[in-house]
Amino acid sequence: MDAMDPVALARIQFAANMTFHILFPTISIAMGWVLFYFKTRYTATRAEHWMDAYQFWVKIFALTFALGVVSGITMSFQFGTNWPGFMMKVGNIAGPLLAYEVLTAFFLEATMLGIMLFGRHRVSERLHTIATFLVAAGTTLSAFWILALNSWMHTPAGFVMIDGQAHVTSWLEVIFNPSFPYRLAHMLLASGLTVAFLLAGISAFRWLKNDHGPEVMASLRTGLTVAALLIPVQIVVGDMHGVNTLEHQPAKIAAMEGIWKTERGASAVLFGLPDAATQNNRFEVAIPKLASLYLTHSWDGEVQGIDAFGDKHPPVAPVFFAFRIMVGVGLLMLAASWAGVWQLRRQGAPKPWLARLLVAMTFIGWVGLIAGWYVTEIGRQPWLVYGVMTTAEAASSVPPTAIATTLLMYLLLYAVLITAYVSVVFYMARKASGLAKPLFPTIDRRRETQHA
């Protein structure tokens, strides 16, 4: 691949923007429902620790929501600058779906967010709870529309091509396309797991700082319980999604599994180094016939290999390794969450080694999420809309130097912002535990003097 190929640079730039952006909606979606849970527990029990937990995590939600909005706007501009062919060919479908997301979801979130953040002592408790519910519902509705569009790009349905443009024949088929139910469920569960480990990791961090209050333990228990419940469901949904992908995008499955030649009784490759030149996996470690079993549910089921798709297949190595990272992260989540729930039930508190592990896994959900997203999006190549439009066909004629310059600027900015975000989240945890120094001590001293 030419380092200054404008199509490659545009793909890398969009991938960088999407990688950064997706981190924050993933937290916002499930965090909204966690806040709603904390609020309803408070209204049901009037136990102050539930409201303390709500007040702490709503600040992290607000910070996350803000970064998600800003990065989303930046990303959307690239449809016009780098990928004009996309909107020209399928804009009749993509445009309305993006508009529905803004009109039905984003406006709902933005309207109710103000009440959720600042209205608790200005409106009734019931209305504040309703606002929290509507924010959570808005984040999920936003995911619904975005994933409807993304799923349609993978498994397009409900349209007809007229004069080189896509025209809708059935909006129901467009929205509820063949991969949409699996993709939506998979993403919502990934969001829940990301937030579950964020809750557990930050709470374990505070617990290690000798903050053993009921608010901390409630958040820790909630995070571990949600993770322990969701990860087995995610494994089942992932298997169902894989079977659906085998039917509609078999080239992606071949890359994920590292299967180069079509065969019956395909082996499950646990480890290997895919070599495109020799069409083989070096240092392969595999279990015979297992891939056919979990993909086709038959020991002798046929699985198509890379050789069945000519030059219309994704690059194998990045999809192969990203898939294994995603699965590895899932297994680690399973072990950590079940160990955590077991310890809390037996002893009422985590052991120090587990607490330190949970702190290290605070943002582990992001790792699994990005790996899974790369499997999905790189695995679609060379198609932008599967079977309809290739990525190269949608690219603009922007000079590669311009794309490279803005790409470098984006990467530097995103590195700063993600470092700041993680630092602020842990700062807020230390502050809640009474351990953080003021960020602006001079201003704080002035305020104290004025109050005195």
Protein backbone atom coordinates (compact mmCIF):
# COMPACT_ATOMS: atom_id res chain seq x y z
CA MET A 1 0.00 0.00 0.00
CA ASP A 2 1.37 3.41 -1.02
CA ALA A 3 1.90 5.57 2.07
CA MET A 4 0.57 8.61 0.18
CA ASP A 5 -2.36 6.85 -1.49
CA PRO A 6 -5.26 9.31 -0.97
CA VAL A 7 -7.81 6.49 -0.54
CA ALA A 8 -5.66 4.77 2.09
CA LEU A 9 -5.06 8.07 3.89
CA ALA A 10 -8.76 8.91 3.83
CA ARG A 11 -9.55 5.48 5.26
CA ILE A 12 -6.98 5.92 8.02
CA GLN A 13 -8.31 9.38 8.83
CA PHE A 14 -11.90 8.18 9.06
CA ALA A 15 -10.77 5.20 11.14
CA ALA A 16 -8.92 7.52 13.53
CA ASN A 17 -11.95 9.77 13.91
CA MET A 18 -14.33 6.85 14.32
CA THR A 19 -12.05 5.08 16.81
CA PHE A 20 -11.95 8.18 18.99
CA HIS A 21 -15.64 9.01 18.63
CA ILE A 22 -17.04 5.57 19.34
CA LEU A 23 -15.36 5.42 22.75
CA PHE A 24 -17.73 8.01 24.22
CA PRO A 25 -21.18 7.03 22.90
CA THR A 26 -20.35 3.50 24.03
CA ILE A 27 -20.12 4.79 27.58
CA SER A 28 -23.04 7.22 27.28
CA ILE A 29 -25.50 4.57 26.07
CA ALA A 30 -25.20 2.23 29.06
CA MET A 31 -24.26 4.89 31.61
CA GLY A 32 -27.63 6.55 31.06
CA TRP A 33 -29.38 3.36 32.16
CA VAL A 34 -27.02 2.94 35.14
CA LEU A 35 -27.93 6.46 36.26
CA PHE A 36 -31.61 5.65 35.86
CA TYR A 37 -31.07 2.54 37.99
CA PHE A 38 -29.30 4.54 40.70
CA LYS A 39 -32.07 7.13 40.68
CA THR A 40 -34.89 4.61 40.94
CA ARG A 41 -33.07 2.82 43.77
CA TYR A 42 -32.86 6.14 45.60
CA THR A 43 -36.53 6.97 45.11
CA ALA A 44 -37.51 3.46 46.23
CA THR A 45 -35.29 3.28 49.33
CA ARG A 46 -34.37 6.92 50.13
CA ALA A 47 -30.90 5.59 50.95
CA GLU A 48 -28.51 8.49 50.39
CA HIS A 49 -25.69 6.37 49.05
CA TRP A 50 -27.68 5.72 45.86
CA MET A 51 -28.01 9.45 45.27
CA ASP A 52 -24.31 9.91 46.08
CA ALA A 53 -23.51 7.32 43.42
CA TYR A 54 -25.83 9.10 40.98
CA GLN A 55 -24.23 12.49 41.62
CA PHE A 56 -20.73 11.11 41.10
CA TRP A 57 -21.42 9.20 37.90
CA VAL A 58 -23.62 11.87 36.32
CA LYS A 59 -20.54 14.11 36.16
CA ILE A 60 -18.64 11.46 34.24
CA PHE A 61 -21.67 11.02 31.99
CA ALA A 62 -21.74 14.75 31.22
CA LEU A 63 -18.02 14.80 30.37
CA THR A 64 -18.41 11.73 28.16
CA PHE A 65 -21.49 13.09 26.41
CA ALA A 66 -19.71 16.34 25.57
CA LEU A 67 -16.74 14.60 23.99
CA GLY A 68 -19.03 12.29 22.05
CA VAL A 69 -20.97 15.19 20.55
CA VAL A 70 -17.88 17.16 19.52
CA SER A 71 -16.09 14.18 17.97
CA GLY A 72 -19.27 13.11 16.18
CA ILE A 73 -19.63 16.47 14.46
CA THR A 74 -16.02 16.33 13.28
CA MET A 75 -16.51 12.85 11.90
CA SER A 76 -19.68 13.70 9.99
CA PHE A 77 -17.89 16.39 7.94
CA GLN A 78 -15.74 13.69 6.36
CA PHE A 79 -18.71 12.34 4.42
CA GLY A 80 -18.46 15.48 2.33
CA THR A 81 -14.72 16.07 2.31
CA ASN A 82 -13.32 12.56 1.88
CA TRP A 83 -16.25 10.41 0.72
CA PRO A 84 -18.54 12.45 -1.54
CA GLY A 85 -19.31 9.42 -3.69
CA PHE A 86 -21.04 7.77 -0.74
CA MET A 87 -23.74 10.42 -0.42
CA MET A 88 -24.06 10.81 -4.17
CA LYS A 89 -24.87 7.12 -4.61
CA VAL A 90 -26.70 6.15 -1.40
CA GLY A 91 -27.54 9.54 0.12
CA ASN A 92 -31.27 8.85 -0.33
CA ILE A 93 -30.87 6.19 2.34
CA ALA A 94 -28.00 7.45 4.50
CA GLY A 95 -29.26 11.05 4.69
CA PRO A 96 -32.70 10.30 6.16
CA LEU A 97 -31.34 7.75 8.64
CA LEU A 98 -28.81 10.28 9.96
CA ALA A 99 -31.55 12.91 10.10
CA TYR A 100 -33.83 10.59 12.06
CA GLU A 101 -31.05 10.11 14.60
CA VAL A 102 -30.72 13.86 15.12
CA LEU A 103 -34.47 14.62 15.15
CA THR A 104 -35.64 11.77 17.37
CA ALA A 105 -32.64 10.93 19.55
CA PHE A 106 -30.12 13.74 19.82
CA PHE A 107 -32.73 16.45 20.40
CA LEU A 108 -34.34 14.29 23.09
CA GLU A 109 -31.00 13.74 24.84
CA ALA A 110 -29.95 17.38 24.58
CA THR A 111 -33.30 18.68 25.88
CA MET A 112 -33.54 16.34 28.86
CA LEU A 113 -29.83 16.52 29.70
CA GLY A 114 -30.15 20.00 31.18
CA ILE A 115 -32.91 18.86 33.53
CA MET A 116 -30.93 15.74 34.49
CA LEU A 117 -27.75 17.68 35.25
CA PHE A 118 -29.09 20.87 36.83
CA GLY A 119 -32.79 20.42 37.57
CA ARG A 120 -32.97 18.11 40.56
CA HIS A 121 -33.69 20.89 43.08
CA ARG A 122 -35.71 22.91 40.56
CA VAL A 123 -38.22 20.25 39.47
CA SER A 124 -39.97 17.44 41.28
CA GLU A 125 -38.12 14.21 42.03
CA ARG A 126 -40.47 12.37 39.71
CA LEU A 127 -39.83 14.74 36.80
CA HIS A 128 -36.09 14.49 37.37
CA THR A 129 -36.32 10.70 37.24
CA ILE A 130 -38.33 10.92 34.01
CA ALA A 131 -35.67 13.21 32.53
CA THR A 132 -32.98 10.67 33.43
CA PHE A 133 -35.01 7.92 31.76
CA LEU A 134 -35.50 9.99 28.60
CA VAL A 135 -31.77 10.73 28.35
CA ALA A 136 -31.04 7.02 28.63
CA ALA A 137 -33.73 6.23 26.06
CA GLY A 138 -32.33 8.91 23.76
CA THR A 139 -28.84 7.44 23.82
CA THR A 140 -30.22 4.01 22.94
CA LEU A 141 -32.42 5.45 20.19
CA SER A 142 -29.36 7.19 18.76
CA ALA A 143 -27.55 3.85 18.64
CA PHE A 144 -30.60 2.35 16.92
CA TRP A 145 -30.47 4.76 13.98
CA ILE A 146 -26.70 4.80 13.57
CA LEU A 147 -26.51 1.02 13.64
CA ALA A 148 -29.43 0.77 11.22
CA LEU A 149 -27.35 2.73 8.70
CA ASN A 150 -24.14 0.86 9.46
CA SER A 151 -25.87 -2.51 9.24
CA TRP A 152 -27.49 -1.53 5.94
CA MET A 153 -24.01 -0.79 4.56
CA HIS A 154 -23.05 -4.37 5.46
CA THR A 155 -26.27 -6.10 4.40
CA PRO A 156 -28.13 -3.68 2.10
CA ALA A 157 -31.82 -4.36 1.55
CA GLY A 158 -35.06 -2.56 0.65
CA PHE A 159 -33.74 -0.47 -2.24
CA VAL A 160 -33.32 -0.36 -5.99
CA MET A 161 -30.64 1.31 -8.09
CA ILE A 162 -31.95 3.88 -10.62
CA ASP A 163 -29.49 5.85 -12.75
CA GLY A 164 -26.65 5.01 -10.39
CA GLN A 165 -28.48 6.10 -7.22
CA ALA A 166 -30.11 4.04 -4.48
CA HIS A 167 -33.85 4.57 -4.00
CA VAL A 168 -35.82 3.12 -1.12
CA THR A 169 -38.50 0.54 -1.86
CA SER A 170 -39.17 -0.38 1.78
CA TRP A 171 -37.96 1.56 4.81
CA LEU A 172 -38.76 -1.42 7.02
CA GLU A 173 -36.36 -3.56 5.00
CA VAL A 174 -33.74 -0.80 5.02
CA ILE A 175 -33.87 -0.35 8.78
CA PHE A 176 -34.42 -3.98 9.79
CA ASN A 177 -31.91 -5.35 7.32
CA PRO A 178 -30.55 -8.91 7.84
CA SER A 179 -27.62 -8.01 10.15
CA PHE A 180 -29.28 -5.18 12.11
CA PRO A 181 -30.78 -7.16 15.03
CA TYR A 182 -27.49 -8.95 15.73
CA ARG A 183 -25.37 -5.83 15.32
CA LEU A 184 -27.63 -3.72 17.57
CA ALA A 185 -27.73 -6.37 20.32
CA HIS A 186 -23.96 -6.91 20.08
CA MET A 187 -23.27 -3.18 20.36
CA LEU A 188 -25.67 -2.54 23.25
CA LEU A 189 -24.15 -5.45 25.18
CA ALA A 190 -20.65 -4.11 24.41
CA SER A 191 -21.74 -0.74 25.81
CA GLY A 192 -23.07 -2.40 28.95
CA LEU A 193 -19.83 -4.31 29.48
CA THR A 194 -17.70 -1.20 28.88
CA VAL A 195 -19.64 0.73 31.51
CA ALA A 196 -19.72 -2.23 33.90
CA PHE A 197 -15.92 -2.37 34.00
CA LEU A 198 -15.69 1.42 34.20
CA LEU A 199 -17.92 1.29 37.28
CA ALA A 200 -15.97 -1.60 38.78
CA GLY A 201 -12.55 -0.14 37.97
CA ILE A 202 -13.16 3.34 39.35
CA SER A 203 -14.93 1.94 42.43
CA ALA A 204 -12.05 -0.49 43.04
CA PHE A 205 -9.65 2.45 42.71
CA ARG A 206 -11.55 4.35 45.40
CA TRP A 207 -11.71 1.20 47.56
CA LEU A 208 -7.93 0.84 47.35
CA LYS A 209 -7.70 4.47 48.52
CA ASN A 210 -9.55 3.40 51.69
CA ASP A 211 -12.88 4.84 50.56
CA HIS A 212 -15.13 1.97 51.64
CA GLY A 213 -18.38 3.91 51.83
CA PRO A 214 -21.73 2.43 50.75
CA GLU A 215 -21.70 4.54 47.57
CA VAL A 216 -18.45 2.94 46.45
CA MET A 217 -19.56 -0.59 47.28
CA ALA A 218 -22.92 -0.07 45.55
CA SER A 219 -21.17 1.05 42.35
CA LEU A 220 -18.65 -1.80 42.57
CA ARG A 221 -21.34 -4.40 43.12
CA THR A 222 -23.46 -2.97 40.29
CA GLY A 223 -20.55 -3.02 37.85
CA LEU A 224 -19.45 -6.57 38.62
CA THR A 225 -23.00 -7.95 38.63
CA VAL A 226 -23.86 -6.34 35.29
CA ALA A 227 -20.63 -7.63 33.75
CA ALA A 228 -21.14 -11.15 35.09
CA LEU A 229 -24.66 -11.25 33.66
CA LEU A 230 -23.96 -9.67 30.29
CA ILE A 231 -20.79 -11.44 29.19
CA PRO A 232 -22.43 -14.90 28.75
CA VAL A 233 -25.25 -13.24 26.79
CA GLN A 234 -22.67 -11.44 24.66
CA ILE A 235 -20.98 -14.75 23.85
CA VAL A 236 -24.30 -16.21 22.65
CA VAL A 237 -25.17 -13.09 20.62
CA GLY A 238 -21.66 -13.08 19.17
CA ASP A 239 -22.13 -16.64 17.97
CA MET A 240 -25.47 -15.74 16.37
CA HIS A 241 -23.88 -12.70 14.73
CA GLY A 242 -21.10 -14.90 13.38
CA VAL A 243 -23.60 -17.29 11.77
CA ASN A 244 -25.41 -14.31 10.22
CA THR A 245 -22.10 -12.95 8.91
CA LEU A 246 -21.26 -16.33 7.40
CA GLU A 247 -24.47 -16.14 5.39
CA HIS A 248 -24.13 -12.55 4.20
CA GLN A 249 -20.39 -11.74 4.36
CA PRO A 250 -18.51 -15.03 4.08
CA ALA A 251 -15.27 -13.29 3.04
CA LYS A 252 -15.19 -11.55 6.43
CA ILE A 253 -15.58 -14.89 8.22
CA ALA A 254 -12.76 -16.38 6.16
CA ALA A 255 -10.48 -13.53 7.24
CA MET A 256 -11.57 -13.73 10.88
CA GLU A 257 -10.90 -17.45 11.02
CA GLY A 258 -7.75 -17.38 8.88
CA ILE A 259 -9.24 -19.89 6.42
CA TRP A 260 -7.47 -19.57 3.08
CA LYS A 261 -9.00 -22.47 1.19
CA THR A 262 -12.63 -23.59 1.03
CA GLU A 263 -13.05 -26.83 2.94
CA ARG A 264 -15.36 -29.06 4.88
CA GLY A 265 -14.55 -29.69 8.50
CA ALA A 266 -12.62 -26.40 8.77
CA SER A 267 -10.23 -26.09 11.70
CA ALA A 268 -10.46 -23.33 14.30
CA VAL A 269 -7.16 -21.48 14.21
CA LEU A 270 -6.22 -20.50 17.75
CA PHE A 271 -2.98 -18.83 16.72
CA GLY A 272 -1.06 -18.22 13.54
CA LEU A 273 0.65 -15.59 11.45
CA PRO A 274 -1.40 -15.05 8.27
CA ASP A 275 0.83 -14.81 5.20
CA ALA A 276 -0.94 -13.32 2.17
CA ALA A 277 1.97 -14.17 -0.13
CA THR A 278 1.80 -17.93 0.53
CA GLN A 279 -1.96 -18.04 1.32
CA ASN A 280 -1.19 -19.82 4.57
CA ASN A 281 -0.84 -19.36 8.32
CA ARG A 282 2.66 -19.69 9.66
CA PHE A 283 3.14 -21.30 13.10
CA GLU A 284 -0.51 -22.33 13.08
CA VAL A 285 -2.11 -23.86 16.16
CA ALA A 286 -5.58 -25.17 15.31
CA ILE A 287 -8.33 -27.52 16.51
CA PRO A 288 -9.60 -29.74 13.66
CA LYS A 289 -13.23 -29.26 12.50
CA LEU A 290 -14.11 -26.86 15.32
CA ALA A 291 -14.68 -23.84 13.04
CA SER A 292 -17.20 -25.78 10.98
CA LEU A 293 -18.98 -26.81 14.18
CA TYR A 294 -19.55 -23.31 15.59
CA LEU A 295 -20.11 -21.66 12.20
CA THR A 296 -22.31 -24.23 10.47
CA HIS A 297 -23.27 -26.31 13.54
CA SER A 298 -21.97 -29.38 11.73
CA TRP A 299 -18.60 -31.10 12.09
CA ASP A 300 -18.35 -31.41 8.30
CA GLY A 301 -19.96 -28.10 7.32
CA GLU A 302 -18.36 -26.27 4.41
CA VAL A 303 -16.70 -22.93 5.12
CA GLN A 304 -15.55 -20.78 2.21
CA GLY A 305 -11.94 -19.68 2.25
CA ILE A 306 -10.24 -16.57 0.91
CA ASP A 307 -9.65 -18.37 -2.38
CA ALA A 308 -13.39 -18.25 -3.13
CA PHE A 309 -13.52 -14.46 -3.45
CA GLY A 310 -10.80 -13.54 -5.94
CA ASP A 311 -9.57 -10.04 -5.14
CA LYS A 312 -12.83 -9.04 -3.38
CA HIS A 313 -11.80 -9.93 0.15
CA PRO A 314 -10.50 -7.97 3.17
CA PRO A 315 -6.87 -7.98 4.32
CA VAL A 316 -6.61 -11.10 6.46
CA ALA A 317 -4.03 -10.21 9.12
CA PRO A 318 -5.72 -7.17 10.77
CA VAL A 319 -9.13 -8.88 10.83
CA PHE A 320 -7.62 -12.14 12.11
CA PHE A 321 -5.74 -10.52 15.01
CA ALA A 322 -8.49 -8.03 15.93
CA PHE A 323 -10.96 -10.89 16.24
CA ARG A 324 -8.66 -12.75 18.63
CA ILE A 325 -8.11 -9.64 20.73
CA MET A 326 -11.88 -9.20 21.01
CA VAL A 327 -12.40 -12.82 22.07
CA GLY A 328 -9.48 -12.67 24.50
CA VAL A 329 -10.86 -9.53 26.13
CA GLY A 330 -14.26 -11.21 26.45
CA LEU A 331 -12.79 -14.23 28.23
CA LEU A 332 -10.83 -11.98 30.57
CA MET A 333 -14.02 -10.05 31.36
CA LEU A 334 -15.81 -13.31 32.10
CA ALA A 335 -13.12 -14.50 34.53
CA ALA A 336 -12.73 -11.13 36.32
CA SER A 337 -16.44 -10.44 36.72
CA TRP A 338 -17.31 -13.90 38.00
CA ALA A 339 -14.36 -13.86 40.41
CA GLY A 340 -15.46 -10.43 41.62
CA VAL A 341 -19.08 -11.43 42.19
CA TRP A 342 -17.95 -14.58 44.01
CA GLN A 343 -15.66 -12.58 46.31
CA LEU A 344 -18.32 -9.98 47.08
CA ARG A 345 -20.85 -12.67 47.94
CA ARG A 346 -18.38 -14.61 50.11
CA GLN A 347 -16.50 -11.78 51.81
CA GLY A 348 -18.44 -8.56 51.13
CA ALA A 349 -15.38 -6.87 49.64
CA PRO A 350 -12.79 -7.59 46.95
CA LYS A 351 -9.34 -8.82 47.79
CA PRO A 352 -6.57 -6.31 47.01
CA TRP A 353 -5.27 -8.33 44.05
CA LEU A 354 -8.70 -8.36 42.44
CA ALA A 355 -9.22 -4.66 43.14
CA ARG A 356 -5.91 -3.88 41.43
CA LEU A 357 -6.91 -6.08 38.48
CA LEU A 358 -10.22 -4.23 38.15
CA VAL A 359 -8.42 -0.87 38.19
CA ALA A 360 -6.16 -2.11 35.40
CA MET A 361 -9.31 -3.20 33.51
CA THR A 362 -11.17 0.10 33.96
CA PHE A 363 -11.13 0.82 30.22
CA ILE A 364 -10.77 -2.77 29.01
CA GLY A 365 -14.16 -2.44 27.35
CA TRP A 366 -12.65 0.08 24.94
CA VAL A 367 -10.04 -2.48 23.85
CA GLY A 368 -12.64 -5.13 23.07
CA LEU A 369 -14.91 -2.56 21.44
CA ILE A 370 -12.25 -1.19 19.09
CA ALA A 371 -11.05 -4.68 18.19
CA GLY A 372 -14.60 -5.73 17.37
CA TRP A 373 -15.22 -2.58 15.38
CA TYR A 374 -12.08 -3.17 13.33
CA VAL A 375 -13.22 -6.72 12.62
CA THR A 376 -16.53 -5.35 11.38
CA GLU A 377 -15.26 -2.46 9.29
CA ILE A 378 -11.98 -3.80 7.91
CA GLY A 379 -13.76 -7.09 7.28
CA ARG A 380 -16.15 -5.30 4.90
CA GLN A 381 -13.36 -4.18 2.58
CA PRO A 382 -13.06 -3.58 -0.31
CA TRP A 383 -16.75 -2.67 -0.09
CA LEU A 384 -18.15 0.50 1.45
CA VAL A 385 -21.71 -0.67 0.80
CA TYR A 386 -21.43 -4.43 0.48
CA GLY A 387 -21.89 -5.54 -3.12
CA VAL A 388 -23.00 -2.04 -4.21
CA MET A 389 -20.08 0.37 -3.90
CA THR A 390 -16.39 -0.07 -3.19
CA THR A 391 -14.46 2.24 -0.90
CA ALA A 392 -12.34 3.51 -3.79
CA GLU A 393 -15.46 4.50 -5.74
CA ALA A 394 -16.64 6.78 -2.93
CA ALA A 395 -13.32 8.57 -2.32
CA SER A 396 -12.77 12.24 -3.16
CA SER A 397 -9.93 13.86 -5.08
CA VAL A 398 -8.53 15.72 -2.07
CA PRO A 399 -4.72 15.90 -2.37
CA PRO A 400 -2.96 13.30 -0.21
CA THR A 401 -0.79 15.97 1.45
CA ALA A 402 -3.93 17.73 2.73
CA ILE A 403 -5.33 14.49 4.12
CA ALA A 404 -1.99 13.57 5.72
CA THR A 405 -1.70 17.00 7.37
CA THR A 406 -5.18 16.93 8.87
CA LEU A 407 -4.69 13.30 9.89
CA LEU A 408 -1.60 14.24 11.90
CA MET A 409 -3.49 17.11 13.53
CA TYR A 410 -6.37 14.81 14.44
CA LEU A 411 -4.05 12.20 15.94
CA LEU A 412 -2.24 14.75 18.09
CA LEU A 413 -5.50 16.30 19.28
CA TYR A 414 -7.07 12.93 20.04
CA ALA A 415 -4.00 11.80 22.00
CA VAL A 416 -4.28 14.91 24.17
CA LEU A 417 -8.05 14.58 24.64
CA ILE A 418 -8.05 10.89 25.53
CA THR A 419 -5.22 11.43 28.02
CA ALA A 420 -7.12 14.35 29.53
CA TYR A 421 -10.35 12.34 29.73
CA VAL A 422 -8.80 9.38 31.55
CA SER A 423 -6.88 11.73 33.86
CA VAL A 424 -10.00 13.71 34.74
CA VAL A 425 -12.03 10.56 35.45
CA PHE A 426 -9.42 9.34 37.95
CA TYR A 427 -9.07 12.87 39.35
CA MET A 428 -12.82 12.91 40.01
CA ALA A 429 -12.49 9.56 41.76
CA ARG A 430 -9.71 10.89 44.00
CA LYS A 431 -11.69 14.05 44.68
CA ALA A 432 -14.78 12.05 45.66
CA SER A 433 -12.58 10.13 48.10
CA GLY A 434 -11.13 13.36 49.51
CA LEU A 435 -7.63 12.72 48.13
CA ALA A 436 -7.32 15.12 45.19
CA LYS A 437 -5.66 18.49 45.31
CA PRO A 438 -7.60 21.36 43.68
CA LEU A 439 -6.94 21.75 39.98
CA PHE A 440 -6.95 25.55 40.40
CA PRO A 441 -5.77 26.23 43.97
CA THR A 442 -5.42 30.00 43.47
CA ILE A 443 -9.05 30.36 42.39
CA ASP A 444 -10.22 28.14 45.25
CA ARG A 445 -8.31 30.26 47.80
CA ARG A 446 -9.89 33.42 46.40
CA ARG A 447 -13.34 31.92 46.75
CA GLU A 448 -12.65 30.87 50.34
CA THR A 449 -11.48 34.41 51.13
CA GLN A 450 -14.61 35.92 49.55
CA HIS A 451 -16.88 33.61 51.55
CA ALA A 452 -14.99 34.44 54.73
